[in-house]
């Protein structure tokens, strides 16, 4: 799971988009939080500045990756559903196993149907 998260976070578009969000949101938040200190020549907390840019980057990356993981999971479940309801091949000598699904019970597999 962690490998897929890292893989999706490095896919094309994600780092660039997250960086743009971090620059825009981080700049606005830094002006709100430390603008008076910066304009008056007061002490600036560089750790807060770094974190104010890092947090929007992480949030934007998490949002993009969770969206891609959801798409991946939905695609896999729709593939499984289409294979699950596929008609038998018609070969009477071949035994086919079909996993039965019961979403209302909350269990994924409740039995196996054997068709000659």
C-alpha atoms as a PDB file:
ATOM      1  CA  UNK A   1       0.000   0.000   0.000  1.00  0.00           C
ATOM      2  CA  UNK A   2       2.802   2.418   0.864  1.00  0.00           C
ATOM      3  CA  UNK A   3       4.604   1.574  -2.380  1.00  0.00           C
ATOM      4  CA  UNK A   4       1.451   2.359  -4.397  1.00  0.00           C
ATOM      5  CA  UNK A   5       0.973   5.621  -2.485  1.00  0.00           C
ATOM      6  CA  UNK A   6       4.550   6.694  -3.228  1.00  0.00           C
ATOM      7  CA  UNK A   7       4.249   5.561  -6.838  1.00  0.00           C
ATOM      8  CA  UNK A   8       1.063   7.584  -7.366  1.00  0.00           C
ATOM      9  CA  UNK A   9       2.544  10.609  -5.589  1.00  0.00           C
ATOM     10  CA  UNK A  10       5.387  10.686  -8.123  1.00  0.00           C
ATOM     11  CA  UNK A  11       3.219  10.187 -11.224  1.00  0.00           C
ATOM     12  CA  UNK A  12       3.100  12.890 -13.840  1.00  0.00           C
ATOM     13  CA  UNK A  13       1.224  15.968 -12.773  1.00  0.00           C
ATOM     14  CA  UNK A  14       0.969  15.266  -9.047  1.00  0.00           C
ATOM     15  CA  UNK A  15       4.218  16.880  -7.814  1.00  0.00           C
ATOM     16  CA  UNK A  16       3.809  19.917 -10.074  1.00  0.00           C
ATOM     17  CA  UNK A  17       0.186  20.495  -9.102  1.00  0.00           C
ATOM     18  CA  UNK A  18       0.955  20.018  -5.416  1.00  0.00           C
ATOM     19  CA  UNK A  19       3.855  22.465  -5.689  1.00  0.00           C
ATOM     20  CA  UNK A  20       1.643  25.101  -7.316  1.00  0.00           C
ATOM     21  CA  UNK A  21      -0.962  24.677  -4.571  1.00  0.00           C
ATOM     22  CA  UNK A  22       1.735  24.877  -1.887  1.00  0.00           C
ATOM     23  CA  UNK A  23       3.232  28.068  -3.338  1.00  0.00           C
ATOM     24  CA  UNK A  24      -0.121  29.805  -3.630  1.00  0.00           C
ATOM     25  CA  UNK A  25      -1.673  28.660  -0.332  1.00  0.00           C
ATOM     26  CA  UNK A  26       1.632  28.860   1.562  1.00  0.00           C
ATOM     27  CA  UNK A  27       2.227  32.426   0.425  1.00  0.00           C
ATOM     28  CA  UNK A  28      -1.254  33.532   1.449  1.00  0.00           C
ATOM     29  CA  UNK A  29      -1.001  31.814   4.844  1.00  0.00           C
ATOM     30  CA  UNK A  30       2.481  33.221   5.496  1.00  0.00           C
ATOM     31  CA  UNK A  31       1.289  36.731   4.714  1.00  0.00           C
ATOM     32  CA  UNK A  32      -1.621  36.245   7.101  1.00  0.00           C
ATOM     33  CA  UNK A  33       0.457  34.669   9.871  1.00  0.00           C
ATOM     34  CA  UNK A  34       3.764  36.554   9.632  1.00  0.00           C
ATOM     35  CA  UNK A  35       3.073  39.461   7.319  1.00  0.00           C
ATOM     36  CA  UNK A  36       3.226  42.015  10.115  1.00  0.00           C
ATOM     37  CA  UNK A  37       6.605  40.697  11.311  1.00  0.00           C
ATOM     38  CA  UNK A  38       7.986  40.700   7.764  1.00  0.00           C
ATOM     39  CA  UNK A  39       6.790  44.239   7.032  1.00  0.00           C
ATOM     40  CA  UNK A  40       7.924  45.711  10.347  1.00  0.00           C
ATOM     41  CA  UNK A  41      11.328  44.046  10.287  1.00  0.00           C
ATOM     42  CA  UNK A  42      10.517  41.795  13.249  1.00  0.00           C
ATOM     43  CA  UNK A  43      11.746  38.278  13.836  1.00  0.00           C
ATOM     44  CA  UNK A  44      10.556  35.712  11.327  1.00  0.00           C
ATOM     45  CA  UNK A  45      10.094  32.096  12.352  1.00  0.00           C
ATOM     46  CA  UNK A  46      11.624  30.147   9.445  1.00  0.00           C
ATOM     47  CA  UNK A  47      10.340  26.816  10.752  1.00  0.00           C
ATOM     48  CA  UNK A  48       6.778  28.118  10.566  1.00  0.00           C
ATOM     49  CA  UNK A  49       7.406  29.400   7.049  1.00  0.00           C
ATOM     50  CA  UNK A  50       8.685  26.004   5.914  1.00  0.00           C
ATOM     51  CA  UNK A  51       5.772  24.180   7.538  1.00  0.00           C
ATOM     52  CA  UNK A  52       3.270  26.627   6.055  1.00  0.00           C
ATOM     53  CA  UNK A  53       4.464  25.592   2.587  1.00  0.00           C
ATOM     54  CA  UNK A  54       4.896  21.896   3.421  1.00  0.00           C
ATOM     55  CA  UNK A  55       1.389  21.324   4.796  1.00  0.00           C
ATOM     56  CA  UNK A  56      -0.501  22.444   1.645  1.00  0.00           C
ATOM     57  CA  UNK A  57       1.913  20.377  -0.460  1.00  0.00           C
ATOM     58  CA  UNK A  58       1.170  17.273   1.611  1.00  0.00           C
ATOM     59  CA  UNK A  59      -2.578  17.891   1.591  1.00  0.00           C
ATOM     60  CA  UNK A  60      -2.691  18.402  -2.181  1.00  0.00           C
ATOM     61  CA  UNK A  61      -0.575  15.293  -2.755  1.00  0.00           C
ATOM     62  CA  UNK A  62      -2.747  13.233  -0.410  1.00  0.00           C
ATOM     63  CA  UNK A  63      -5.882  14.380  -2.219  1.00  0.00           C
ATOM     64  CA  UNK A  64      -4.502  13.505  -5.650  1.00  0.00           C
ATOM     65  CA  UNK A  65      -3.175  10.121  -4.542  1.00  0.00           C
ATOM     66  CA  UNK A  66      -6.352   9.149  -2.687  1.00  0.00           C
ATOM     67  CA  UNK A  67      -8.365  10.034  -5.805  1.00  0.00           C
ATOM     68  CA  UNK A  68      -6.119   7.850  -7.976  1.00  0.00           C
ATOM     69  CA  UNK A  69      -6.247   4.975  -5.478  1.00  0.00           C
ATOM     70  CA  UNK A  70     -10.058   5.224  -5.408  1.00  0.00           C
ATOM     71  CA  UNK A  71     -10.171   5.127  -9.220  1.00  0.00           C
ATOM     72  CA  UNK A  72      -7.883   2.095  -9.194  1.00  0.00           C
ATOM     73  CA  UNK A  73     -10.012   0.312  -6.587  1.00  0.00           C
ATOM     74  CA  UNK A  74     -13.261   1.116  -8.430  1.00  0.00           C
ATOM     75  CA  UNK A  75     -11.815  -0.167 -11.711  1.00  0.00           C
ATOM     76  CA  UNK A  76     -10.732  -3.406 -10.059  1.00  0.00           C
ATOM     77  CA  UNK A  77     -14.102  -3.924  -8.382  1.00  0.00           C
ATOM     78  CA  UNK A  78     -15.991  -3.283 -11.643  1.00  0.00           C
ATOM     79  CA  UNK A  79     -13.708  -5.782 -13.406  1.00  0.00           C
ATOM     80  CA  UNK A  80     -14.362  -8.321 -10.673  1.00  0.00           C
ATOM     81  CA  UNK A  81     -18.110  -7.732 -10.910  1.00  0.00           C
ATOM     82  CA  UNK A  82     -18.097  -8.201 -14.685  1.00  0.00           C
ATOM     83  CA  UNK A  83     -16.083 -11.418 -14.381  1.00  0.00           C
ATOM     84  CA  UNK A  84     -18.262 -12.624 -11.541  1.00  0.00           C
ATOM     85  CA  UNK A  85     -21.460 -12.433 -13.572  1.00  0.00           C
ATOM     86  CA  UNK A  86     -19.939 -13.835 -16.751  1.00  0.00           C
ATOM     87  CA  UNK A  87     -21.910 -16.696 -18.294  1.00  0.00           C
ATOM     88  CA  UNK A  88     -20.400 -20.196 -18.301  1.00  0.00           C
ATOM     89  CA  UNK A  89     -18.188 -20.962 -21.260  1.00  0.00           C
ATOM     90  CA  UNK A  90     -20.528 -23.662 -22.561  1.00  0.00           C
ATOM     91  CA  UNK A  91     -17.942 -26.415 -22.373  1.00  0.00           C
ATOM     92  CA  UNK A  92     -19.792 -29.137 -20.439  1.00  0.00           C
ATOM     93  CA  UNK A  93     -16.589 -31.046 -19.686  1.00  0.00           C
ATOM     94  CA  UNK A  94     -15.137 -28.003 -17.996  1.00  0.00           C
ATOM     95  CA  UNK A  95     -16.032 -27.277 -14.382  1.00  0.00           C
ATOM     96  CA  UNK A  96     -16.397 -23.611 -13.561  1.00  0.00           C
ATOM     97  CA  UNK A  97     -16.197 -22.072 -10.137  1.00  0.00           C
ATOM     98  CA  UNK A  98     -18.059 -18.890  -9.417  1.00  0.00           C
ATOM     99  CA  UNK A  99     -17.509 -16.920  -6.239  1.00  0.00           C
ATOM    100  CA  UNK A 100     -20.786 -15.710  -4.848  1.00  0.00           C
ATOM    101  CA  UNK A 101     -20.926 -12.235  -3.433  1.00  0.00           C
ATOM    102  CA  UNK A 102     -23.196 -10.954  -0.708  1.00  0.00           C
ATOM    103  CA  UNK A 103     -22.726  -7.200  -0.120  1.00  0.00           C
ATOM    104  CA  UNK A 104     -25.772  -6.969   2.133  1.00  0.00           C
ATOM    105  CA  UNK A 105     -24.177  -9.406   4.580  1.00  0.00           C
ATOM    106  CA  UNK A 106     -20.880  -7.535   4.536  1.00  0.00           C
ATOM    107  CA  UNK A 107     -18.878 -10.599   3.549  1.00  0.00           C
ATOM    108  CA  UNK A 108     -17.075 -10.786   0.278  1.00  0.00           C
ATOM    109  CA  UNK A 109     -17.386 -14.492  -0.468  1.00  0.00           C
ATOM    110  CA  UNK A 110     -20.111 -16.655   0.986  1.00  0.00           C
ATOM    111  CA  UNK A 111     -19.704 -19.774  -1.101  1.00  0.00           C
ATOM    112  CA  UNK A 112     -18.742 -21.355  -4.380  1.00  0.00           C
ATOM    113  CA  UNK A 113     -21.130 -22.572  -7.079  1.00  0.00           C
ATOM    114  CA  UNK A 114     -19.885 -25.440  -9.241  1.00  0.00           C
ATOM    115  CA  UNK A 115     -21.311 -25.694 -12.758  1.00  0.00           C
ATOM    116  CA  UNK A 116     -20.638 -28.755 -14.894  1.00  0.00           C
END
